[in-house]
């Protein structure tokens, strides 16, 4: 029986192995081939059949095992030779994950295509540190912006976001942190709280808290680096407030 060539793009979530959806796990269990990225928790591959071909196509800083064009071609060739290809991506494939591009290429080449959304790191990583992106009285909206565009330039949207009262979440921005901070300083937001969370939702998670003025020093002191998420906004204070409330309760119980 000939296998139907199919691509399913699956969001693996932000890092914690338990933050993939049930639908995502079922897709992995029924895969003939899995192409997975560097930010995918390797433990998720335990849901894959021993008969399934696993191919690492991840990108790490300055190291590209496969170029995007090669990944696209690999998806199509494996789908026609093996059947159901799963493209497993960290976070959500439609939020700076190039999932849409891969689905378009696959569809143009005759593949059936499907998407399983994932929990985006832009939402989940701050949440794991008790930082809400919206909070009544603090933030009515939020921006999620890539720090670096396709042309390796700083996104123009960051300058626009810095003018707003919204929470600003920046992905892939550590390499341009000084430029980003300068944009907020131009808007006289020197005292605006900032959080940087590295390896969010994993055992290697680290966090640095500061302000627009101090965050560069915090990063240097804590040696924070990619992969990390940057959060600008008054909502960052919620984390400290929650800790204070919890400590006060513990003190009352002791007394």
C-alpha atoms as a PDB file:
ATOM      1  CA  UNK A   1       0.000   0.000   0.000  1.00  0.00           C
ATOM      2  CA  UNK A   2       1.466   3.362  -1.071  1.00  0.00           C
ATOM      3  CA  UNK A   3       1.818   5.888   1.739  1.00  0.00           C
ATOM      4  CA  UNK A   4       0.207   9.298   1.278  1.00  0.00           C
ATOM      5  CA  UNK A   5       2.953  11.964   1.184  1.00  0.00           C
ATOM      6  CA  UNK A   6       2.120  14.326   4.022  1.00  0.00           C
ATOM      7  CA  UNK A   7       3.745  17.038   6.109  1.00  0.00           C
ATOM      8  CA  UNK A   8       2.583  17.889   9.608  1.00  0.00           C
ATOM      9  CA  UNK A   9       4.312  20.832  11.237  1.00  0.00           C
ATOM     10  CA  UNK A  10       4.232  20.329  15.018  1.00  0.00           C
ATOM     11  CA  UNK A  11       4.944  22.857  17.748  1.00  0.00           C
ATOM     12  CA  UNK A  12       7.107  21.275  20.445  1.00  0.00           C
ATOM     13  CA  UNK A  13       6.494  24.009  23.020  1.00  0.00           C
ATOM     14  CA  UNK A  14       9.064  26.156  24.847  1.00  0.00           C
ATOM     15  CA  UNK A  15      11.317  23.458  26.309  1.00  0.00           C
ATOM     16  CA  UNK A  16       9.571  21.679  29.172  1.00  0.00           C
ATOM     17  CA  UNK A  17       8.785  18.232  27.766  1.00  0.00           C
ATOM     18  CA  UNK A  18       5.293  18.338  29.291  1.00  0.00           C
ATOM     19  CA  UNK A  19       4.353  21.485  27.395  1.00  0.00           C
ATOM     20  CA  UNK A  20       3.722  19.782  24.063  1.00  0.00           C
ATOM     21  CA  UNK A  21       0.056  19.226  23.196  1.00  0.00           C
ATOM     22  CA  UNK A  22      -1.607  15.810  23.212  1.00  0.00           C
ATOM     23  CA  UNK A  23      -2.262  16.264  19.492  1.00  0.00           C
ATOM     24  CA  UNK A  24       1.456  16.846  18.975  1.00  0.00           C
ATOM     25  CA  UNK A  25       2.346  13.611  20.780  1.00  0.00           C
ATOM     26  CA  UNK A  26      -0.150  11.643  18.680  1.00  0.00           C
ATOM     27  CA  UNK A  27       1.395  13.092  15.526  1.00  0.00           C
ATOM     28  CA  UNK A  28       4.871  11.974  16.654  1.00  0.00           C
ATOM     29  CA  UNK A  29       3.575   8.477  17.368  1.00  0.00           C
ATOM     30  CA  UNK A  30       2.286   8.201  13.795  1.00  0.00           C
ATOM     31  CA  UNK A  31       5.285   9.685  11.999  1.00  0.00           C
ATOM     32  CA  UNK A  32       7.402   7.902   9.401  1.00  0.00           C
ATOM     33  CA  UNK A  33      10.083  10.609   9.499  1.00  0.00           C
ATOM     34  CA  UNK A  34      10.756  13.364  12.052  1.00  0.00           C
ATOM     35  CA  UNK A  35      12.850  16.419  11.186  1.00  0.00           C
ATOM     36  CA  UNK A  36      13.610  18.259  14.426  1.00  0.00           C
ATOM     37  CA  UNK A  37      15.236  21.532  15.488  1.00  0.00           C
ATOM     38  CA  UNK A  38      17.936  22.453  18.006  1.00  0.00           C
ATOM     39  CA  UNK A  39      15.459  23.949  20.505  1.00  0.00           C
ATOM     40  CA  UNK A  40      13.342  20.795  20.674  1.00  0.00           C
ATOM     41  CA  UNK A  41      13.603  18.848  23.938  1.00  0.00           C
ATOM     42  CA  UNK A  42      15.260  15.522  22.957  1.00  0.00           C
ATOM     43  CA  UNK A  43      12.982  13.657  25.372  1.00  0.00           C
ATOM     44  CA  UNK A  44      10.093  14.290  22.977  1.00  0.00           C
ATOM     45  CA  UNK A  45      11.744  11.895  20.543  1.00  0.00           C
ATOM     46  CA  UNK A  46      10.933   9.084  22.979  1.00  0.00           C
ATOM     47  CA  UNK A  47       7.347   9.272  21.692  1.00  0.00           C
ATOM     48  CA  UNK A  48       8.547   8.320  18.213  1.00  0.00           C
ATOM     49  CA  UNK A  49       8.461   4.717  16.988  1.00  0.00           C
ATOM     50  CA  UNK A  50      11.772   2.880  16.741  1.00  0.00           C
ATOM     51  CA  UNK A  51      10.987   2.415  13.030  1.00  0.00           C
ATOM     52  CA  UNK A  52      10.776   6.152  12.434  1.00  0.00           C
ATOM     53  CA  UNK A  53      13.685   7.977  10.810  1.00  0.00           C
ATOM     54  CA  UNK A  54      15.007  10.885  12.890  1.00  0.00           C
ATOM     55  CA  UNK A  55      16.840  13.732  11.162  1.00  0.00           C
ATOM     56  CA  UNK A  56      18.359  16.671  13.043  1.00  0.00           C
ATOM     57  CA  UNK A  57      18.066  19.837  10.954  1.00  0.00           C
ATOM     58  CA  UNK A  58      18.621  22.380  13.704  1.00  0.00           C
ATOM     59  CA  UNK A  59      20.514  25.628  13.501  1.00  0.00           C
ATOM     60  CA  UNK A  60      22.928  26.745  16.174  1.00  0.00           C
ATOM     61  CA  UNK A  61      24.846  30.001  16.263  1.00  0.00           C
ATOM     62  CA  UNK A  62      27.030  30.123  13.165  1.00  0.00           C
ATOM     63  CA  UNK A  63      26.367  26.444  12.422  1.00  0.00           C
ATOM     64  CA  UNK A  64      23.756  25.357   9.907  1.00  0.00           C
ATOM     65  CA  UNK A  65      23.584  21.612   9.371  1.00  0.00           C
ATOM     66  CA  UNK A  66      21.035  22.236   6.628  1.00  0.00           C
ATOM     67  CA  UNK A  67      20.132  25.434   4.822  1.00  0.00           C
ATOM     68  CA  UNK A  68      16.400  26.219   4.689  1.00  0.00           C
ATOM     69  CA  UNK A  69      16.197  25.287   1.003  1.00  0.00           C
ATOM     70  CA  UNK A  70      17.710  21.892   1.807  1.00  0.00           C
ATOM     71  CA  UNK A  71      15.198  21.352   4.615  1.00  0.00           C
ATOM     72  CA  UNK A  72      12.339  22.135   2.246  1.00  0.00           C
ATOM     73  CA  UNK A  73      13.637  19.649  -0.311  1.00  0.00           C
ATOM     74  CA  UNK A  74      14.229  17.020   2.378  1.00  0.00           C
ATOM     75  CA  UNK A  75      10.631  17.323   3.563  1.00  0.00           C
ATOM     76  CA  UNK A  76       9.310  16.710   0.062  1.00  0.00           C
ATOM     77  CA  UNK A  77      11.675  13.866  -0.842  1.00  0.00           C
ATOM     78  CA  UNK A  78      11.091  12.012   2.434  1.00  0.00           C
ATOM     79  CA  UNK A  79       7.323  12.456   2.171  1.00  0.00           C
ATOM     80  CA  UNK A  80       7.296  10.788  -1.255  1.00  0.00           C
ATOM     81  CA  UNK A  81       9.678   8.020  -0.183  1.00  0.00           C
ATOM     82  CA  UNK A  82       8.437   7.391   3.368  1.00  0.00           C
ATOM     83  CA  UNK A  83       4.968   8.938   3.807  1.00  0.00           C
ATOM     84  CA  UNK A  84       4.170  11.062   6.852  1.00  0.00           C
ATOM     85  CA  UNK A  85       6.855  13.628   7.693  1.00  0.00           C
ATOM     86  CA  UNK A  86       6.718  15.516  10.992  1.00  0.00           C
ATOM     87  CA  UNK A  87       8.536  18.831  11.153  1.00  0.00           C
ATOM     88  CA  UNK A  88       9.073  19.310  14.886  1.00  0.00           C
ATOM     89  CA  UNK A  89       9.801  22.910  15.867  1.00  0.00           C
ATOM     90  CA  UNK A  90      10.382  24.617  19.194  1.00  0.00           C
ATOM     91  CA  UNK A  91       7.609  26.852  20.519  1.00  0.00           C
ATOM     92  CA  UNK A  92       4.877  27.509  17.980  1.00  0.00           C
ATOM     93  CA  UNK A  93       5.772  26.978  14.298  1.00  0.00           C
ATOM     94  CA  UNK A  94       3.853  30.061  13.169  1.00  0.00           C
ATOM     95  CA  UNK A  95       5.639  32.485  15.517  1.00  0.00           C
ATOM     96  CA  UNK A  96       9.039  33.123  13.919  1.00  0.00           C
ATOM     97  CA  UNK A  97       9.309  29.405  13.219  1.00  0.00           C
ATOM     98  CA  UNK A  98       9.185  29.392   9.395  1.00  0.00           C
ATOM     99  CA  UNK A  99       6.418  26.794   9.581  1.00  0.00           C
ATOM    100  CA  UNK A 100       4.303  28.688   7.068  1.00  0.00           C
ATOM    101  CA  UNK A 101       7.150  28.746   4.524  1.00  0.00           C
ATOM    102  CA  UNK A 102       7.716  25.006   4.793  1.00  0.00           C
ATOM    103  CA  UNK A 103       4.007  24.231   4.471  1.00  0.00           C
ATOM    104  CA  UNK A 104       3.716  26.401   1.358  1.00  0.00           C
ATOM    105  CA  UNK A 105       6.688  24.676  -0.265  1.00  0.00           C
ATOM    106  CA  UNK A 106       5.305  21.241   0.598  1.00  0.00           C
ATOM    107  CA  UNK A 107       1.825  22.075  -0.716  1.00  0.00           C
ATOM    108  CA  UNK A 108       3.251  23.392  -4.001  1.00  0.00           C
ATOM    109  CA  UNK A 109       5.031  20.071  -4.416  1.00  0.00           C
ATOM    110  CA  UNK A 110       1.915  17.964  -3.943  1.00  0.00           C
ATOM    111  CA  UNK A 111       2.014  17.135  -0.239  1.00  0.00           C
ATOM    112  CA  UNK A 112      -0.971  17.098   2.068  1.00  0.00           C
ATOM    113  CA  UNK A 113      -0.188  19.560   4.856  1.00  0.00           C
ATOM    114  CA  UNK A 114      -1.341  20.088   8.444  1.00  0.00           C
ATOM    115  CA  UNK A 115      -0.337  22.133  11.473  1.00  0.00           C
ATOM    116  CA  UNK A 116      -0.362  21.298  15.187  1.00  0.00           C
ATOM    117  CA  UNK A 117       0.061  24.574  17.105  1.00  0.00           C
ATOM    118  CA  UNK A 118       2.515  24.711  19.973  1.00  0.00           C
ATOM    119  CA  UNK A 119       2.754  26.757  23.149  1.00  0.00           C
ATOM    120  CA  UNK A 120       4.856  29.747  22.169  1.00  0.00           C
ATOM    121  CA  UNK A 121       7.949  30.525  24.207  1.00  0.00           C
ATOM    122  CA  UNK A 122       6.993  34.204  23.951  1.00  0.00           C
ATOM    123  CA  UNK A 123       4.059  33.510  26.268  1.00  0.00           C
ATOM    124  CA  UNK A 124       5.132  30.497  28.290  1.00  0.00           C
ATOM    125  CA  UNK A 125       8.679  31.488  29.262  1.00  0.00           C
ATOM    126  CA  UNK A 126       7.639  34.731  31.017  1.00  0.00           C
ATOM    127  CA  UNK A 127       4.673  32.911  32.566  1.00  0.00           C
ATOM    128  CA  UNK A 128       6.980  30.300  34.110  1.00  0.00           C
ATOM    129  CA  UNK A 129       8.707  33.183  35.893  1.00  0.00           C
ATOM    130  CA  UNK A 130       5.355  34.620  37.044  1.00  0.00           C
ATOM    131  CA  UNK A 131       5.505  37.459  34.529  1.00  0.00           C
ATOM    132  CA  UNK A 132       2.112  38.023  32.879  1.00  0.00           C
ATOM    133  CA  UNK A 133       2.179  39.770  29.512  1.00  0.00           C
ATOM    134  CA  UNK A 134      -1.060  41.565  30.323  1.00  0.00           C
ATOM    135  CA  UNK A 135      -2.358  42.668  33.702  1.00  0.00           C
ATOM    136  CA  UNK A 136      -5.246  44.946  34.493  1.00  0.00           C
ATOM    137  CA  UNK A 137      -3.902  48.367  35.387  1.00  0.00           C
ATOM    138  CA  UNK A 138      -0.418  47.613  34.050  1.00  0.00           C
ATOM    139  CA  UNK A 139      -0.616  46.460  30.448  1.00  0.00           C
ATOM    140  CA  UNK A 140      -3.538  46.270  28.040  1.00  0.00           C
ATOM    141  CA  UNK A 141      -1.621  44.657  25.180  1.00  0.00           C
ATOM    142  CA  UNK A 142       1.691  43.139  24.178  1.00  0.00           C
ATOM    143  CA  UNK A 143       4.044  43.044  21.226  1.00  0.00           C
ATOM    144  CA  UNK A 144       6.028  39.970  20.208  1.00  0.00           C
ATOM    145  CA  UNK A 145       8.894  41.009  17.953  1.00  0.00           C
ATOM    146  CA  UNK A 146      11.928  39.346  16.438  1.00  0.00           C
ATOM    147  CA  UNK A 147      15.125  41.092  17.408  1.00  0.00           C
ATOM    148  CA  UNK A 148      16.770  40.296  14.104  1.00  0.00           C
ATOM    149  CA  UNK A 149      15.110  40.412  10.686  1.00  0.00           C
ATOM    150  CA  UNK A 150      15.788  38.206   7.671  1.00  0.00           C
ATOM    151  CA  UNK A 151      18.390  40.791   6.602  1.00  0.00           C
ATOM    152  CA  UNK A 152      20.066  40.502  10.055  1.00  0.00           C
ATOM    153  CA  UNK A 153      18.948  44.033  10.927  1.00  0.00           C
ATOM    154  CA  UNK A 154      17.131  45.270  14.020  1.00  0.00           C
ATOM    155  CA  UNK A 155      13.369  45.186  13.496  1.00  0.00           C
ATOM    156  CA  UNK A 156      11.832  48.637  12.949  1.00  0.00           C
ATOM    157  CA  UNK A 157       8.862  47.534  15.039  1.00  0.00           C
ATOM    158  CA  UNK A 158      10.935  47.692  18.222  1.00  0.00           C
ATOM    159  CA  UNK A 159      11.216  51.487  17.935  1.00  0.00           C
ATOM    160  CA  UNK A 160       7.421  51.674  17.529  1.00  0.00           C
ATOM    161  CA  UNK A 161       6.824  49.313  20.446  1.00  0.00           C
ATOM    162  CA  UNK A 162       9.124  51.358  22.684  1.00  0.00           C
ATOM    163  CA  UNK A 163       6.771  54.312  22.254  1.00  0.00           C
ATOM    164  CA  UNK A 164       3.767  52.337  23.492  1.00  0.00           C
ATOM    165  CA  UNK A 165       2.615  51.361  26.976  1.00  0.00           C
ATOM    166  CA  UNK A 166       2.398  47.715  25.957  1.00  0.00           C
ATOM    167  CA  UNK A 167       4.526  44.845  27.233  1.00  0.00           C
ATOM    168  CA  UNK A 168       7.262  44.193  24.671  1.00  0.00           C
ATOM    169  CA  UNK A 169       8.582  40.652  24.194  1.00  0.00           C
ATOM    170  CA  UNK A 170      11.640  40.288  21.984  1.00  0.00           C
ATOM    171  CA  UNK A 171      12.857  36.958  20.642  1.00  0.00           C
ATOM    172  CA  UNK A 172      16.324  36.435  19.170  1.00  0.00           C
ATOM    173  CA  UNK A 173      17.414  39.845  20.409  1.00  0.00           C
ATOM    174  CA  UNK A 174      20.405  39.200  22.673  1.00  0.00           C
ATOM    175  CA  UNK A 175      22.915  40.015  19.956  1.00  0.00           C
ATOM    176  CA  UNK A 176      21.346  43.447  19.564  1.00  0.00           C
ATOM    177  CA  UNK A 177      20.523  44.144  23.210  1.00  0.00           C
ATOM    178  CA  UNK A 178      22.464  47.415  23.372  1.00  0.00           C
ATOM    179  CA  UNK A 179      20.658  48.762  20.292  1.00  0.00           C
ATOM    180  CA  UNK A 180      17.296  47.700  21.705  1.00  0.00           C
ATOM    181  CA  UNK A 181      17.976  49.322  25.079  1.00  0.00           C
ATOM    182  CA  UNK A 182      18.975  52.544  23.315  1.00  0.00           C
ATOM    183  CA  UNK A 183      15.553  52.737  21.666  1.00  0.00           C
ATOM    184  CA  UNK A 184      13.823  52.571  25.051  1.00  0.00           C
ATOM    185  CA  UNK A 185      16.191  55.184  26.472  1.00  0.00           C
ATOM    186  CA  UNK A 186      15.238  57.529  23.622  1.00  0.00           C
ATOM    187  CA  UNK A 187      11.668  57.284  24.907  1.00  0.00           C
ATOM    188  CA  UNK A 188      12.863  58.181  28.425  1.00  0.00           C
ATOM    189  CA  UNK A 189      11.980  54.772  29.787  1.00  0.00           C
ATOM    190  CA  UNK A 190      15.221  54.301  31.679  1.00  0.00           C
ATOM    191  CA  UNK A 191      13.455  52.943  34.766  1.00  0.00           C
ATOM    192  CA  UNK A 192      11.181  50.521  32.900  1.00  0.00           C
ATOM    193  CA  UNK A 193      11.558  46.975  34.311  1.00  0.00           C
ATOM    194  CA  UNK A 194      13.237  44.382  32.082  1.00  0.00           C
ATOM    195  CA  UNK A 195      13.524  40.609  32.422  1.00  0.00           C
ATOM    196  CA  UNK A 196      15.800  38.346  30.405  1.00  0.00           C
ATOM    197  CA  UNK A 197      15.106  34.624  30.638  1.00  0.00           C
ATOM    198  CA  UNK A 198      17.574  32.133  29.192  1.00  0.00           C
ATOM    199  CA  UNK A 199      16.663  28.485  28.442  1.00  0.00           C
ATOM    200  CA  UNK A 200      13.156  29.134  29.720  1.00  0.00           C
ATOM    201  CA  UNK A 201      11.045  26.278  31.173  1.00  0.00           C
ATOM    202  CA  UNK A 202      14.056  23.931  31.241  1.00  0.00           C
ATOM    203  CA  UNK A 203      16.369  22.734  34.021  1.00  0.00           C
ATOM    204  CA  UNK A 204      18.994  25.189  32.738  1.00  0.00           C
ATOM    205  CA  UNK A 205      16.726  28.227  33.061  1.00  0.00           C
ATOM    206  CA  UNK A 206      18.364  31.458  34.238  1.00  0.00           C
ATOM    207  CA  UNK A 207      16.842  34.886  34.733  1.00  0.00           C
ATOM    208  CA  UNK A 208      18.124  38.401  35.059  1.00  0.00           C
ATOM    209  CA  UNK A 209      15.930  41.267  36.293  1.00  0.00           C
ATOM    210  CA  UNK A 210      16.777  44.928  35.919  1.00  0.00           C
ATOM    211  CA  UNK A 211      15.697  48.140  34.258  1.00  0.00           C
ATOM    212  CA  UNK A 212      16.433  49.665  30.882  1.00  0.00           C
ATOM    213  CA  UNK A 213      19.365  51.433  32.554  1.00  0.00           C
ATOM    214  CA  UNK A 214      20.793  48.395  34.342  1.00  0.00           C
ATOM    215  CA  UNK A 215      19.924  45.341  32.246  1.00  0.00           C
ATOM    216  CA  UNK A 216      23.187  45.333  30.251  1.00  0.00           C
ATOM    217  CA  UNK A 217      25.136  45.083  33.510  1.00  0.00           C
ATOM    218  CA  UNK A 218      22.837  42.313  34.758  1.00  0.00           C
ATOM    219  CA  UNK A 219      23.430  40.335  31.552  1.00  0.00           C
ATOM    220  CA  UNK A 220      27.180  40.702  31.937  1.00  0.00           C
ATOM    221  CA  UNK A 221      27.111  39.738  35.614  1.00  0.00           C
ATOM    222  CA  UNK A 222      24.953  36.662  35.092  1.00  0.00           C
ATOM    223  CA  UNK A 223      26.525  35.777  31.722  1.00  0.00           C
ATOM    224  CA  UNK A 224      23.160  35.511  30.024  1.00  0.00           C
ATOM    225  CA  UNK A 225      23.085  34.577  26.356  1.00  0.00           C
ATOM    226  CA  UNK A 226      20.926  32.942  23.695  1.00  0.00           C
ATOM    227  CA  UNK A 227      18.501  31.279  23.646  1.00  0.00           C
ATOM    228  CA  UNK A 228      16.784  33.958  25.692  1.00  0.00           C
ATOM    229  CA  UNK A 229      13.628  36.043  25.755  1.00  0.00           C
ATOM    230  CA  UNK A 230      13.632  39.735  26.642  1.00  0.00           C
ATOM    231  CA  UNK A 231      10.590  41.286  28.334  1.00  0.00           C
ATOM    232  CA  UNK A 232      10.147  45.050  28.722  1.00  0.00           C
ATOM    233  CA  UNK A 233       7.249  46.278  30.844  1.00  0.00           C
ATOM    234  CA  UNK A 234       5.801  47.098  34.227  1.00  0.00           C
ATOM    235  CA  UNK A 235       4.352  43.547  34.357  1.00  0.00           C
ATOM    236  CA  UNK A 236       7.866  42.341  35.259  1.00  0.00           C
ATOM    237  CA  UNK A 237       7.212  43.749  38.754  1.00  0.00           C
ATOM    238  CA  UNK A 238       4.435  41.177  39.274  1.00  0.00           C
ATOM    239  CA  UNK A 239       7.065  38.481  39.812  1.00  0.00           C
ATOM    240  CA  UNK A 240       8.639  40.335  42.745  1.00  0.00           C
ATOM    241  CA  UNK A 241       5.244  41.299  44.159  1.00  0.00           C
ATOM    242  CA  UNK A 242       4.130  37.664  44.147  1.00  0.00           C
ATOM    243  CA  UNK A 243       7.333  36.588  45.893  1.00  0.00           C
ATOM    244  CA  UNK A 244       6.780  39.248  48.572  1.00  0.00           C
ATOM    245  CA  UNK A 245       3.218  38.052  49.184  1.00  0.00           C
ATOM    246  CA  UNK A 246       4.403  34.450  49.507  1.00  0.00           C
ATOM    247  CA  UNK A 247       7.187  35.433  51.928  1.00  0.00           C
ATOM    248  CA  UNK A 248       4.767  37.454  54.060  1.00  0.00           C
ATOM    249  CA  UNK A 249       2.452  34.433  54.322  1.00  0.00           C
ATOM    250  CA  UNK A 250       5.346  32.176  55.357  1.00  0.00           C
ATOM    251  CA  UNK A 251       6.431  34.714  58.031  1.00  0.00           C
ATOM    252  CA  UNK A 252       2.877  34.897  59.427  1.00  0.00           C
ATOM    253  CA  UNK A 253       2.733  31.105  59.648  1.00  0.00           C
ATOM    254  CA  UNK A 254       6.066  31.020  61.498  1.00  0.00           C
ATOM    255  CA  UNK A 255       4.870  33.669  63.974  1.00  0.00           C
END
